[in-house]
Every structure is written in C-alpha cells, then in structure tokens.
C-alpha cells in the first residue's frame, strides 16, 4: 500500500481514504463508536483507518448493537406481563413508560458492551 501526501501550508498530510468495503448501514451506535474512537482511542482509530477496516468495524458494531437491542427488548416483553398488547390498550401511558425504561436499560448495556470498550 502506497501512501500519498498533500501539502497543506508547511505540512505534508497523508491522503487517507477508504476503499469500497462491506455494505451496510451505520446506525446511531456505529456513529457513537466512531465519535468515541476519535476522542478517546485515537491510536485504534488511526490504525483501523489506515488498515481500511474502520467502515467494517463500524458496520459490525451497528449490526451487533441492533441485534442485541432487539433480543433484549424481546426478552423483556416475554418476561413482563405488563408489556402485553392487552395492557397496551388498557393503560397506554404505563405501557409506554415501561417500554422506555426497558429500552434505556438495554441501551446502557449496549453502550458498555460495544461502544465504550
């Protein structure tokens, strides 16, 4: 791999670009991981960028996080009878409050497992 440089003022900066890699969407968890890498894990960010693995990493984090969120939410729905469709029609506000609490709990787990590592 040959690295080319562009002169900006008195400095030569490397032209780092990504090749076409794995196709997929980068959701909010992938963007959060990217921001975390840029801010707190600069060496890992640079390494992934130079190896052209950053996009694959972010897509993987996005997919794994979304899968975990869906699994956790399904488990929460199965384990708590207050989240049934019947209760949703009877007391919608209570149902929405419980769903928001469970979603926040699931997102905290995702942040600890995939984002801030």
PDB file of N, CA and C in Angstrom:
ATOM      1  N   UNK A   1       0.850  -1.175   0.000  1.00  0.00           N
ATOM      2  CA  UNK A   1       0.000   0.000   0.000  1.00  0.00           C
ATOM      3  C   UNK A   1       0.895   1.237   0.000  1.00  0.00           C
ATOM      4  N   UNK A   2       0.667   2.105  -0.939  1.00  0.00           N
ATOM      5  CA  UNK A   2       1.442   3.325  -1.055  1.00  0.00           C
ATOM      6  C   UNK A   2       0.625   4.487  -0.516  1.00  0.00           C
ATOM      7  N   UNK A   3       1.231   5.272   0.343  1.00  0.00           N
ATOM      8  CA  UNK A   3       0.554   6.427   0.924  1.00  0.00           C
ATOM      9  C   UNK A   3       1.041   7.672   0.205  1.00  0.00           C
ATOM     10  N   UNK A   4       0.095   8.460  -0.250  1.00  0.00           N
ATOM     11  CA  UNK A   4       0.438   9.732  -0.886  1.00  0.00           C
ATOM     12  C   UNK A   4       0.169  10.865   0.102  1.00  0.00           C
ATOM     13  N   UNK A   5       0.812  11.981  -0.154  1.00  0.00           N
ATOM     14  CA  UNK A   5       0.713  13.122   0.760  1.00  0.00           C
ATOM     15  C   UNK A   5       0.293  14.366  -0.006  1.00  0.00           C
ATOM     16  N   UNK A   6      -0.397  15.237   0.695  1.00  0.00           N
ATOM     17  CA  UNK A   6      -0.799  16.524   0.147  1.00  0.00           C
ATOM     18  C   UNK A   6      -0.236  17.612   1.046  1.00  0.00           C
ATOM     19  N   UNK A   7       0.296  18.647   0.430  1.00  0.00           N
ATOM     20  CA  UNK A   7       0.887  19.736   1.210  1.00  0.00           C
ATOM     21  C   UNK A   7      -0.209  20.718   1.623  1.00  0.00           C
ATOM     22  N   UNK A   8      -0.319  20.956   2.918  1.00  0.00           N
ATOM     23  CA  UNK A   8      -1.243  21.938   3.493  1.00  0.00           C
ATOM     24  C   UNK A   8      -0.396  22.927   4.299  1.00  0.00           C
ATOM     25  N   UNK A   9      -0.175  24.087   3.738  1.00  0.00           N
ATOM     26  CA  UNK A   9       0.697  25.053   4.408  1.00  0.00           C
ATOM     27  C   UNK A   9       2.119  24.534   4.404  1.00  0.00           C
ATOM     28  N   UNK A  10       2.708  24.395   5.590  1.00  0.00           N
ATOM     29  CA  UNK A  10       4.073  23.890   5.717  1.00  0.00           C
ATOM     30  C   UNK A  10       4.118  22.383   5.985  1.00  0.00           C
ATOM     31  N   UNK A  11       2.978  21.723   6.002  1.00  0.00           N
ATOM     32  CA  UNK A  11       2.926  20.323   6.399  1.00  0.00           C
ATOM     33  C   UNK A  11       2.492  19.426   5.259  1.00  0.00           C
ATOM     34  N   UNK A  12       3.038  18.225   5.238  1.00  0.00           N
ATOM     35  CA  UNK A  12       2.596  17.183   4.327  1.00  0.00           C
ATOM     36  C   UNK A  12       1.697  16.244   5.133  1.00  0.00           C
ATOM     37  N   UNK A  13       0.447  16.155   4.722  1.00  0.00           N
ATOM     38  CA  UNK A  13      -0.511  15.293   5.413  1.00  0.00           C
ATOM     39  C   UNK A  13      -0.851  14.106   4.527  1.00  0.00           C
ATOM     40  N   UNK A  14      -0.971  12.900   5.137  1.00  0.00           N
ATOM     41  CA  UNK A  14      -1.279  11.722   4.320  1.00  0.00           C
ATOM     42  C   UNK A  14      -2.704  11.780   3.780  1.00  0.00           C
ATOM     43  N   UNK A  15      -2.867  11.283   2.562  1.00  0.00           N
ATOM     44  CA  UNK A  15      -4.195  11.186   1.947  1.00  0.00           C
ATOM     45  C   UNK A  15      -4.777   9.829   2.343  1.00  0.00           C
ATOM     46  N   UNK A  16      -5.561   9.819   3.403  1.00  0.00           N
ATOM     47  CA  UNK A  16      -6.159   8.584   3.887  1.00  0.00           C
ATOM     48  C   UNK A  16      -7.597   8.511   3.396  1.00  0.00           C
ATOM     49  N   UNK A  17      -7.888   7.480   2.654  1.00  0.00           N
ATOM     50  CA  UNK A  17      -9.237   7.266   2.153  1.00  0.00           C
ATOM     51  C   UNK A  17      -9.619   5.811   2.383  1.00  0.00           C
ATOM     52  N   UNK A  18     -10.900   5.535   2.305  1.00  0.00           N
ATOM     53  CA  UNK A  18     -11.395   4.176   2.472  1.00  0.00           C
ATOM     54  C   UNK A  18     -11.755   3.581   1.120  1.00  0.00           C
ATOM     55  N   UNK A  19     -11.382   2.328   0.928  1.00  0.00           N
ATOM     56  CA  UNK A  19     -11.799   1.622  -0.265  1.00  0.00           C
ATOM     57  C   UNK A  19     -13.222   1.131  -0.053  1.00  0.00           C
ATOM     58  N   UNK A  20     -13.830   0.692  -1.152  1.00  0.00           N
ATOM     59  CA  UNK A  20     -15.156   0.097  -1.046  1.00  0.00           C
ATOM     60  C   UNK A  20     -15.033  -1.163  -0.189  1.00  0.00           C
ATOM     61  N   UNK A  21     -15.833  -1.247   0.833  1.00  0.00           N
ATOM     62  CA  UNK A  21     -15.781  -2.393   1.736  1.00  0.00           C
ATOM     63  C   UNK A  21     -17.179  -2.935   1.929  1.00  0.00           C
ATOM     64  N   UNK A  22     -17.359  -3.624   3.017  1.00  0.00           N
ATOM     65  CA  UNK A  22     -18.634  -4.255   3.323  1.00  0.00           C
ATOM     66  C   UNK A  22     -19.769  -3.243   3.257  1.00  0.00           C
ATOM     67  N   UNK A  23     -20.862  -3.654   2.647  1.00  0.00           N
ATOM     68  CA  UNK A  23     -22.026  -2.776   2.531  1.00  0.00           C
ATOM     69  C   UNK A  23     -22.890  -2.925   3.776  1.00  0.00           C
ATOM     70  N   UNK A  24     -23.429  -1.843   4.217  1.00  0.00           N
ATOM     71  CA  UNK A  24     -24.311  -1.856   5.375  1.00  0.00           C
ATOM     72  C   UNK A  24     -24.515  -0.452   5.878  1.00  0.00           C
ATOM     73  N   UNK A  25     -25.442  -0.326   6.769  1.00  0.00           N
ATOM     74  CA  UNK A  25     -25.744   0.976   7.350  1.00  0.00           C
ATOM     75  C   UNK A  25     -25.022   1.144   8.678  1.00  0.00           C
ATOM     76  N   UNK A  26     -24.612   2.356   8.921  1.00  0.00           N
ATOM     77  CA  UNK A  26     -24.024   2.686  10.219  1.00  0.00           C
ATOM     78  C   UNK A  26     -25.081   3.472  10.980  1.00  0.00           C
ATOM     79  N   UNK A  27     -25.625   2.847  12.010  1.00  0.00           N
ATOM     80  CA  UNK A  27     -26.700   3.476  12.779  1.00  0.00           C
ATOM     81  C   UNK A  27     -26.124   4.346  13.890  1.00  0.00           C
ATOM     82  N   UNK A  28     -26.970   4.738  14.818  1.00  0.00           N
ATOM     83  CA  UNK A  28     -26.518   5.650  15.871  1.00  0.00           C
ATOM     84  C   UNK A  28     -25.435   5.027  16.738  1.00  0.00           C
ATOM     85  N   UNK A  29     -25.477   3.706  16.923  1.00  0.00           N
ATOM     86  CA  UNK A  29     -24.451   3.057  17.737  1.00  0.00           C
ATOM     87  C   UNK A  29     -23.104   3.070  17.024  1.00  0.00           C
ATOM     88  N   UNK A  30     -23.108   2.894  15.717  1.00  0.00           N
ATOM     89  CA  UNK A  30     -21.877   2.985  14.940  1.00  0.00           C
ATOM     90  C   UNK A  30     -21.295   4.390  14.972  1.00  0.00           C
ATOM     91  N   UNK A  31     -22.182   5.390  14.883  1.00  0.00           N
ATOM     92  CA  UNK A  31     -21.700   6.784  14.942  1.00  0.00           C
ATOM     93  C   UNK A  31     -21.177   7.126  16.339  1.00  0.00           C
ATOM     94  N   UNK A  32     -21.811   6.569  17.367  1.00  0.00           N
ATOM     95  CA  UNK A  32     -21.323   6.797  18.725  1.00  0.00           C
ATOM     96  C   UNK A  32     -19.949   6.152  18.911  1.00  0.00           C
ATOM     97  N   UNK A  33     -19.764   4.951  18.349  1.00  0.00           N
ATOM     98  CA  UNK A  33     -18.480   4.266  18.426  1.00  0.00           C
ATOM     99  C   UNK A  33     -17.406   5.078  17.694  1.00  0.00           C
ATOM    100  N   UNK A  34     -17.757   5.620  16.523  1.00  0.00           N
ATOM    101  CA  UNK A  34     -16.815   6.439  15.771  1.00  0.00           C
ATOM    102  C   UNK A  34     -16.393   7.661  16.577  1.00  0.00           C
ATOM    103  N   UNK A  35     -17.346   8.349  17.175  1.00  0.00           N
ATOM    104  CA  UNK A  35     -17.024   9.532  17.986  1.00  0.00           C
ATOM    105  C   UNK A  35     -16.149   9.145  19.169  1.00  0.00           C
ATOM    106  N   UNK A  36     -16.444   8.003  19.796  1.00  0.00           N
ATOM    107  CA  UNK A  36     -15.639   7.543  20.932  1.00  0.00           C
ATOM    108  C   UNK A  36     -14.213   7.230  20.489  1.00  0.00           C
ATOM    109  N   UNK A  37     -14.070   6.537  19.364  1.00  0.00           N
ATOM    110  CA  UNK A  37     -12.728   6.216  18.868  1.00  0.00           C
ATOM    111  C   UNK A  37     -11.938   7.479  18.553  1.00  0.00           C
ATOM    112  N   UNK A  38     -12.573   8.442  17.913  1.00  0.00           N
ATOM    113  CA  UNK A  38     -11.881   9.685  17.565  1.00  0.00           C
ATOM    114  C   UNK A  38     -11.440  10.455  18.801  1.00  0.00           C
ATOM    115  N   UNK A  39     -12.277  10.452  19.826  1.00  0.00           N
ATOM    116  CA  UNK A  39     -12.000  11.259  21.012  1.00  0.00           C
ATOM    117  C   UNK A  39     -11.060  10.571  22.003  1.00  0.00           C
ATOM    118  N   UNK A  40     -11.279   9.269  22.246  1.00  0.00           N
ATOM    119  CA  UNK A  40     -10.580   8.615  23.343  1.00  0.00           C
ATOM    120  C   UNK A  40      -9.624   7.502  22.922  1.00  0.00           C
ATOM    121  N   UNK A  41      -9.772   6.974  21.734  1.00  0.00           N
ATOM    122  CA  UNK A  41      -8.919   5.876  21.267  1.00  0.00           C
ATOM    123  C   UNK A  41      -8.313   6.243  19.921  1.00  0.00           C
ATOM    124  N   UNK A  42      -7.537   7.300  19.914  1.00  0.00           N
ATOM    125  CA  UNK A  42      -7.004   7.829  18.662  1.00  0.00           C
ATOM    126  C   UNK A  42      -6.079   6.842  17.954  1.00  0.00           C
ATOM    127  N   UNK A  43      -5.297   6.088  18.711  1.00  0.00           N
ATOM    128  CA  UNK A  43      -4.386   5.125  18.088  1.00  0.00           C
ATOM    129  C   UNK A  43      -5.172   4.019  17.388  1.00  0.00           C
ATOM    130  N   UNK A  44      -6.209   3.492  18.039  1.00  0.00           N
ATOM    131  CA  UNK A  44      -7.034   2.458  17.427  1.00  0.00           C
ATOM    132  C   UNK A  44      -7.767   3.013  16.212  1.00  0.00           C
ATOM    133  N   UNK A  45      -8.291   4.227  16.326  1.00  0.00           N
ATOM    134  CA  UNK A  45      -8.979   4.872  15.206  1.00  0.00           C
ATOM    135  C   UNK A  45      -8.048   5.001  14.005  1.00  0.00           C
ATOM    136  N   UNK A  46      -6.844   5.493  14.231  1.00  0.00           N
ATOM    137  CA  UNK A  46      -5.874   5.676  13.149  1.00  0.00           C
ATOM    138  C   UNK A  46      -5.476   4.334  12.544  1.00  0.00           C
ATOM    139  N   UNK A  47      -5.285   3.347  13.404  1.00  0.00           N
ATOM    140  CA  UNK A  47      -4.914   2.018  12.932  1.00  0.00           C
ATOM    141  C   UNK A  47      -6.011   1.417  12.051  1.00  0.00           C
ATOM    142  N   UNK A  48      -7.254   1.493  12.516  1.00  0.00           N
ATOM    143  CA  UNK A  48      -8.376   0.977  11.717  1.00  0.00           C
ATOM    144  C   UNK A  48      -8.514   1.746  10.410  1.00  0.00           C
ATOM    145  N   UNK A  49      -8.308   3.027  10.459  1.00  0.00           N
ATOM    146  CA  UNK A  49      -8.420   3.855   9.255  1.00  0.00           C
ATOM    147  C   UNK A  49      -7.330   3.493   8.254  1.00  0.00           C
ATOM    148  N   UNK A  50      -6.120   3.326   8.720  1.00  0.00           N
ATOM    149  CA  UNK A  50      -5.008   3.028   7.816  1.00  0.00           C
ATOM    150  C   UNK A  50      -5.103   1.608   7.254  1.00  0.00           C
ATOM    151  N   UNK A  51      -5.657   0.682   8.029  1.00  0.00           N
ATOM    152  CA  UNK A  51      -5.842  -0.690   7.537  1.00  0.00           C
ATOM    153  C   UNK A  51      -7.105  -0.822   6.685  1.00  0.00           C
ATOM    154  N   UNK A  52      -7.844   0.269   6.561  1.00  0.00           N
ATOM    155  CA  UNK A  52      -9.094   0.308   5.818  1.00  0.00           C
ATOM    156  C   UNK A  52     -10.126  -0.652   6.403  1.00  0.00           C
ATOM    157  N   UNK A  53     -10.139  -0.757   7.727  1.00  0.00           N
ATOM    158  CA  UNK A  53     -11.078  -1.612   8.442  1.00  0.00           C
ATOM    159  C   UNK A  53     -12.081  -0.806   9.255  1.00  0.00           C
ATOM    160  N   UNK A  54     -12.000   0.504   9.216  1.00  0.00           N
ATOM    161  CA  UNK A  54     -12.874   1.329  10.046  1.00  0.00           C
ATOM    162  C   UNK A  54     -14.341   1.140   9.678  1.00  0.00           C
ATOM    163  N   UNK A  55     -14.648   1.164   8.401  1.00  0.00           N
ATOM    164  CA  UNK A  55     -16.040   1.001   7.979  1.00  0.00           C
ATOM    165  C   UNK A  55     -16.575  -0.365   8.384  1.00  0.00           C
ATOM    166  N   UNK A  56     -15.783  -1.404   8.171  1.00  0.00           N
ATOM    167  CA  UNK A  56     -16.206  -2.747   8.580  1.00  0.00           C
ATOM    168  C   UNK A  56     -16.451  -2.809  10.080  1.00  0.00           C
ATOM    169  N   UNK A  57     -15.590  -2.179  10.839  1.00  0.00           N
ATOM    170  CA  UNK A  57     -15.739  -2.163  12.298  1.00  0.00           C
ATOM    171  C   UNK A  57     -17.032  -1.452  12.699  1.00  0.00           C
ATOM    172  N   UNK A  58     -17.300  -0.316  12.104  1.00  0.00           N
ATOM    173  CA  UNK A  58     -18.496   0.450  12.455  1.00  0.00           C
ATOM    174  C   UNK A  58     -19.778  -0.270  12.034  1.00  0.00           C
ATOM    175  N   UNK A  59     -19.763  -0.918  10.880  1.00  0.00           N
ATOM    176  CA  UNK A  59     -20.923  -1.688  10.443  1.00  0.00           C
ATOM    177  C   UNK A  59     -21.140  -2.876  11.371  1.00  0.00           C
ATOM    178  N   UNK A  60     -20.063  -3.512  11.776  1.00  0.00           N
ATOM    179  CA  UNK A  60     -20.166  -4.642  12.700  1.00  0.00           C
ATOM    180  C   UNK A  60     -20.737  -4.202  14.050  1.00  0.00           C
ATOM    181  N   UNK A  61     -20.244  -3.096  14.577  1.00  0.00           N
ATOM    182  CA  UNK A  61     -20.767  -2.569  15.841  1.00  0.00           C
ATOM    183  C   UNK A  61     -22.246  -2.216  15.694  1.00  0.00           C
ATOM    184  N   UNK A  62     -22.611  -1.606  14.585  1.00  0.00           N
ATOM    185  CA  UNK A  62     -24.008  -1.233  14.346  1.00  0.00           C
ATOM    186  C   UNK A  62     -24.908  -2.461  14.330  1.00  0.00           C
ATOM    187  N   UNK A  63     -24.501  -3.473  13.580  1.00  0.00           N
ATOM    188  CA  UNK A  63     -25.312  -4.684  13.450  1.00  0.00           C
ATOM    189  C   UNK A  63     -25.416  -5.426  14.780  1.00  0.00           C
ATOM    190  N   UNK A  64     -24.288  -5.615  15.451  1.00  0.00           N
ATOM    191  CA  UNK A  64     -24.299  -6.330  16.728  1.00  0.00           C
ATOM    192  C   UNK A  64     -25.114  -5.590  17.787  1.00  0.00           C
ATOM    193  N   UNK A  65     -24.998  -4.282  17.813  1.00  0.00           N
ATOM    194  CA  UNK A  65     -25.754  -3.485  18.781  1.00  0.00           C
ATOM    195  C   UNK A  65     -27.250  -3.577  18.515  1.00  0.00           C
ATOM    196  N   UNK A  66     -27.623  -3.485  17.254  1.00  0.00           N
ATOM    197  CA  UNK A  66     -29.046  -3.568  16.897  1.00  0.00           C
ATOM    198  C   UNK A  66     -29.608  -4.953  17.214  1.00  0.00           C
ATOM    199  N   UNK A  67     -28.835  -5.991  16.932  1.00  0.00           N
ATOM    200  CA  UNK A  67     -29.274  -7.352  17.253  1.00  0.00           C
ATOM    201  C   UNK A  67     -29.455  -7.533  18.755  1.00  0.00           C
ATOM    202  N   UNK A  68     -28.499  -7.030  19.528  1.00  0.00           N
ATOM    203  CA  UNK A  68     -28.599  -7.147  20.980  1.00  0.00           C
ATOM    204  C   UNK A  68     -29.797  -6.369  21.509  1.00  0.00           C
ATOM    205  N   UNK A  69     -30.031  -5.173  20.973  1.00  0.00           N
ATOM    206  CA  UNK A  69     -31.187  -4.382  21.400  1.00  0.00           C
ATOM    207  C   UNK A  69     -32.488  -5.131  21.129  1.00  0.00           C
ATOM    208  N   UNK A  70     -32.622  -5.689  19.933  1.00  0.00           N
ATOM    209  CA  UNK A  70     -33.834  -6.439  19.600  1.00  0.00           C
ATOM    210  C   UNK A  70     -34.016  -7.661  20.489  1.00  0.00           C
ATOM    211  N   UNK A  71     -32.932  -8.380  20.753  1.00  0.00           N
ATOM    212  CA  UNK A  71     -33.007  -9.555  21.613  1.00  0.00           C
ATOM    213  C   UNK A  71     -33.408  -9.175  23.034  1.00  0.00           C
ATOM    214  N   UNK A  72     -32.774  -8.156  23.567  1.00  0.00           N
ATOM    215  CA  UNK A  72     -33.105  -7.725  24.928  1.00  0.00           C
ATOM    216  C   UNK A  72     -34.547  -7.257  25.035  1.00  0.00           C
ATOM    217  N   UNK A  73     -35.010  -6.490  24.057  1.00  0.00           N
ATOM    218  CA  UNK A  73     -36.390  -5.998  24.109  1.00  0.00           C
ATOM    219  C   UNK A  73     -37.393  -7.145  24.004  1.00  0.00           C
ATOM    220  N   UNK A  74     -37.111  -8.134  23.164  1.00  0.00           N
ATOM    221  CA  UNK A  74     -38.000  -9.304  23.075  1.00  0.00           C
ATOM    222  C   UNK A  74     -38.028 -10.064  24.392  1.00  0.00           C
ATOM    223  N   UNK A  75     -36.870 -10.221  25.018  1.00  0.00           N
ATOM    224  CA  UNK A  75     -36.818 -10.905  26.316  1.00  0.00           C
ATOM    225  C   UNK A  75     -37.576 -10.122  27.386  1.00  0.00           C
ATOM    226  N   UNK A  76     -37.449  -8.819  27.373  1.00  0.00           N
ATOM    227  CA  UNK A  76     -38.178  -8.003  28.342  1.00  0.00           C
ATOM    228  C   UNK A  76     -39.684  -8.142  28.139  1.00  0.00           C
ATOM    229  N   UNK A  77     -40.121  -8.143  26.877  1.00  0.00           N
ATOM    230  CA  UNK A  77     -41.550  -8.270  26.584  1.00  0.00           C
ATOM    231  C   UNK A  77     -42.089  -9.617  27.054  1.00  0.00           C
ATOM    232  N   UNK A  78     -41.296 -10.685  26.874  1.00  0.00           N
ATOM    233  CA  UNK A  78     -41.737 -12.019  27.279  1.00  0.00           C
ATOM    234  C   UNK A  78     -41.768 -12.178  28.798  1.00  0.00           C
ATOM    235  N   UNK A  79     -40.846 -11.516  29.478  1.00  0.00           N
ATOM    236  CA  UNK A  79     -40.737 -11.717  30.922  1.00  0.00           C
ATOM    237  C   UNK A  79     -41.669 -10.830  31.745  1.00  0.00           C
ATOM    238  N   UNK A  80     -42.193  -9.763  31.176  1.00  0.00           N
ATOM    239  CA  UNK A  80     -43.048  -8.838  31.930  1.00  0.00           C
ATOM    240  C   UNK A  80     -44.442  -8.816  31.307  1.00  0.00           C
ATOM    241  N   UNK A  81     -45.408  -9.353  32.042  1.00  0.00           N
ATOM    242  CA  UNK A  81     -46.782  -9.417  31.522  1.00  0.00           C
ATOM    243  C   UNK A  81     -47.413  -8.041  31.372  1.00  0.00           C
ATOM    244  N   UNK A  82     -46.857  -7.033  32.019  1.00  0.00           N
ATOM    245  CA  UNK A  82     -47.390  -5.676  31.885  1.00  0.00           C
ATOM    246  C   UNK A  82     -47.128  -5.084  30.505  1.00  0.00           C
ATOM    247  N   UNK A  83     -46.282  -5.754  29.697  1.00  0.00           N
ATOM    248  CA  UNK A  83     -45.959  -5.260  28.359  1.00  0.00           C
ATOM    249  C   UNK A  83     -46.774  -5.949  27.265  1.00  0.00           C
ATOM    250  N   UNK A  84     -47.844  -6.630  27.636  1.00  0.00           N
ATOM    251  CA  UNK A  84     -48.673  -7.324  26.652  1.00  0.00           C
ATOM    252  C   UNK A  84     -49.498  -6.316  25.847  1.00  0.00           C
ATOM    253  N   UNK A  85     -49.995  -6.771  24.707  1.00  0.00           N
ATOM    254  CA  UNK A  85     -50.834  -5.919  23.867  1.00  0.00           C
ATOM    255  C   UNK A  85     -52.128  -5.545  24.573  1.00  0.00           C
ATOM    256  N   UNK A  86     -52.620  -6.446  25.396  1.00  0.00           N
ATOM    257  CA  UNK A  86     -53.849  -6.169  26.160  1.00  0.00           C
ATOM    258  C   UNK A  86     -53.625  -4.985  27.099  1.00  0.00           C
ATOM    259  N   UNK A  87     -52.528  -5.003  27.822  1.00  0.00           N
ATOM    260  CA  UNK A  87     -52.215  -3.892  28.735  1.00  0.00           C
ATOM    261  C   UNK A  87     -51.874  -2.612  27.981  1.00  0.00           C
ATOM    262  N   UNK A  88     -51.367  -2.759  26.771  1.00  0.00           N
ATOM    263  CA  UNK A  88     -51.058  -1.586  25.957  1.00  0.00           C
ATOM    264  C   UNK A  88     -52.353  -0.822  25.640  1.00  0.00           C
ATOM    265  N   UNK A  89     -53.434  -1.558  25.366  1.00  0.00           N
ATOM    266  CA  UNK A  89     -54.716  -0.926  25.064  1.00  0.00           C
ATOM    267  C   UNK A  89     -55.386  -0.378  26.316  1.00  0.00           C
ATOM    268  N   UNK A  90     -55.206  -1.057  27.440  1.00  0.00           N
ATOM    269  CA  UNK A  90     -55.861  -0.638  28.682  1.00  0.00           C
ATOM    270  C   UNK A  90     -55.203   0.607  29.279  1.00  0.00           C
ATOM    271  N   UNK A  91     -53.894   0.555  29.410  1.00  0.00           N
ATOM    272  CA  UNK A  91     -53.175   1.656  30.053  1.00  0.00           C
ATOM    273  C   UNK A  91     -51.941   1.992  29.218  1.00  0.00           C
ATOM    274  N   UNK A  92     -52.159   2.773  28.190  1.00  0.00           N
ATOM    275  CA  UNK A  92     -51.095   3.074  27.235  1.00  0.00           C
ATOM    276  C   UNK A  92     -49.931   3.832  27.868  1.00  0.00           C
ATOM    277  N   UNK A  93     -50.204   4.770  28.739  1.00  0.00           N
ATOM    278  CA  UNK A  93     -49.118   5.554  29.347  1.00  0.00           C
ATOM    279  C   UNK A  93     -48.213   4.694  30.220  1.00  0.00           C
ATOM    280  N   UNK A  94     -48.788   3.805  30.984  1.00  0.00           N
ATOM    281  CA  UNK A  94     -47.984   2.901  31.823  1.00  0.00           C
ATOM    282  C   UNK A  94     -47.136   1.982  30.941  1.00  0.00           C
ATOM    283  N   UNK A  95     -47.747   1.476  29.857  1.00  0.00           N
ATOM    284  CA  UNK A  95     -47.032   0.602  28.939  1.00  0.00           C
ATOM    285  C   UNK A  95     -45.861   1.355  28.294  1.00  0.00           C
ATOM    286  N   UNK A  96     -46.087   2.580  27.847  1.00  0.00           N
ATOM    287  CA  UNK A  96     -45.028   3.380  27.217  1.00  0.00           C
ATOM    288  C   UNK A  96     -43.909   3.682  28.209  1.00  0.00           C
ATOM    289  N   UNK A  97     -44.275   3.963  29.449  1.00  0.00           N
ATOM    290  CA  UNK A  97     -43.260   4.228  30.479  1.00  0.00           C
ATOM    291  C   UNK A  97     -42.376   3.001  30.691  1.00  0.00           C
ATOM    292  N   UNK A  98     -42.999   1.829  30.782  1.00  0.00           N
ATOM    293  CA  UNK A  98     -42.227   0.596  30.969  1.00  0.00           C
ATOM    294  C   UNK A  98     -41.331   0.310  29.768  1.00  0.00           C
ATOM    295  N   UNK A  99     -41.865   0.500  28.571  1.00  0.00           N
ATOM    296  CA  UNK A  99     -41.065   0.249  27.367  1.00  0.00           C
ATOM    297  C   UNK A  99     -39.862   1.192  27.308  1.00  0.00           C
ATOM    298  N   UNK A 100     -40.070   2.449  27.638  1.00  0.00           N
ATOM    299  CA  UNK A 100     -38.956   3.407  27.652  1.00  0.00           C
ATOM    300  C   UNK A 100     -37.914   3.027  28.686  1.00  0.00           C
ATOM    301  N   UNK A 101     -38.356   2.582  29.853  1.00  0.00           N
ATOM    302  CA  UNK A 101     -37.403   2.162  30.884  1.00  0.00           C
ATOM    303  C   UNK A 101     -36.591   0.958  30.428  1.00  0.00           C
ATOM    304  N   UNK A 102     -37.268  -0.022  29.821  1.00  0.00           N
ATOM    305  CA  UNK A 102     -36.549  -1.200  29.335  1.00  0.00           C
ATOM    306  C   UNK A 102     -35.610  -0.845  28.183  1.00  0.00           C
ATOM    307  N   UNK A 103     -36.024   0.051  27.323  1.00  0.00           N
ATOM    308  CA  UNK A 103     -35.158   0.447  26.206  1.00  0.00           C
ATOM    309  C   UNK A 103     -33.921   1.183  26.722  1.00  0.00           C
ATOM    310  N   UNK A 104     -34.103   2.044  27.707  1.00  0.00           N
ATOM    311  CA  UNK A 104     -32.953   2.745  28.295  1.00  0.00           C
ATOM    312  C   UNK A 104     -31.996   1.763  28.955  1.00  0.00           C
ATOM    313  N   UNK A 105     -32.540   0.758  29.621  1.00  0.00           N
ATOM    314  CA  UNK A 105     -31.698  -0.265  30.244  1.00  0.00           C
ATOM    315  C   UNK A 105     -30.916  -1.028  29.176  1.00  0.00           C
ATOM    316  N   UNK A 106     -31.586  -1.411  28.102  1.00  0.00           N
ATOM    317  CA  UNK A 106     -30.931  -2.136  27.014  1.00  0.00           C
ATOM    318  C   UNK A 106     -29.842  -1.279  26.369  1.00  0.00           C
ATOM    319  N   UNK A 107     -30.114   0.000  26.190  1.00  0.00           N
ATOM    320  CA  UNK A 107     -29.111   0.875  25.576  1.00  0.00           C
ATOM    321  C   UNK A 107     -27.893   1.068  26.483  1.00  0.00           C
ATOM    322  N   UNK A 108     -28.095   1.083  27.790  1.00  0.00           N
ATOM    323  CA  UNK A 108     -26.954   1.160  28.699  1.00  0.00           C
ATOM    324  C   UNK A 108     -26.082  -0.083  28.571  1.00  0.00           C
ATOM    325  N   UNK A 109     -26.711  -1.240  28.423  1.00  0.00           N
ATOM    326  CA  UNK A 109     -25.956  -2.479  28.238  1.00  0.00           C
ATOM    327  C   UNK A 109     -25.167  -2.411  26.936  1.00  0.00           C
ATOM    328  N   UNK A 110     -25.792  -1.936  25.876  1.00  0.00           N
ATOM    329  CA  UNK A 110     -25.119  -1.822  24.574  1.00  0.00           C
ATOM    330  C   UNK A 110     -23.934  -0.870  24.665  1.00  0.00           C
ATOM    331  N   UNK A 111     -24.104   0.244  25.341  1.00  0.00           N
ATOM    332  CA  UNK A 111     -23.000   1.204  25.471  1.00  0.00           C
ATOM    333  C   UNK A 111     -21.809   0.571  26.175  1.00  0.00           C
ATOM    334  N   UNK A 112     -22.069  -0.198  27.206  1.00  0.00           N
ATOM    335  CA  UNK A 112     -20.971  -0.833  27.943  1.00  0.00           C
ATOM    336  C   UNK A 112     -20.334  -1.970  27.159  1.00  0.00           C
ATOM    337  N   UNK A 113     -21.139  -2.694  26.362  1.00  0.00           N
ATOM    338  CA  UNK A 113     -20.635  -3.856  25.644  1.00  0.00           C
ATOM    339  C   UNK A 113     -19.923  -3.516  24.330  1.00  0.00           C
ATOM    340  N   UNK A 114     -20.452  -2.538  23.581  1.00  0.00           N
ATOM    341  CA  UNK A 114     -19.957  -2.310  22.224  1.00  0.00           C
ATOM    342  C   UNK A 114     -19.364  -0.928  21.973  1.00  0.00           C
ATOM    343  N   UNK A 115     -19.777   0.076  22.696  1.00  0.00           N
ATOM    344  CA  UNK A 115     -19.362   1.430  22.356  1.00  0.00           C
ATOM    345  C   UNK A 115     -18.117   1.852  23.153  1.00  0.00           C
ATOM    346  N   UNK A 116     -18.222   1.789  24.445  1.00  0.00           N
ATOM    347  CA  UNK A 116     -17.148   2.308  25.304  1.00  0.00           C
ATOM    348  C   UNK A 116     -16.225   1.207  25.776  1.00  0.00           C
ATOM    349  N   UNK A 117     -15.619   0.499  24.831  1.00  0.00           N
ATOM    350  CA  UNK A 117     -14.669  -0.562  25.188  1.00  0.00           C
ATOM    351  C   UNK A 117     -13.299  -0.220  24.672  1.00  0.00           C
TER     352      UNK A 117
END
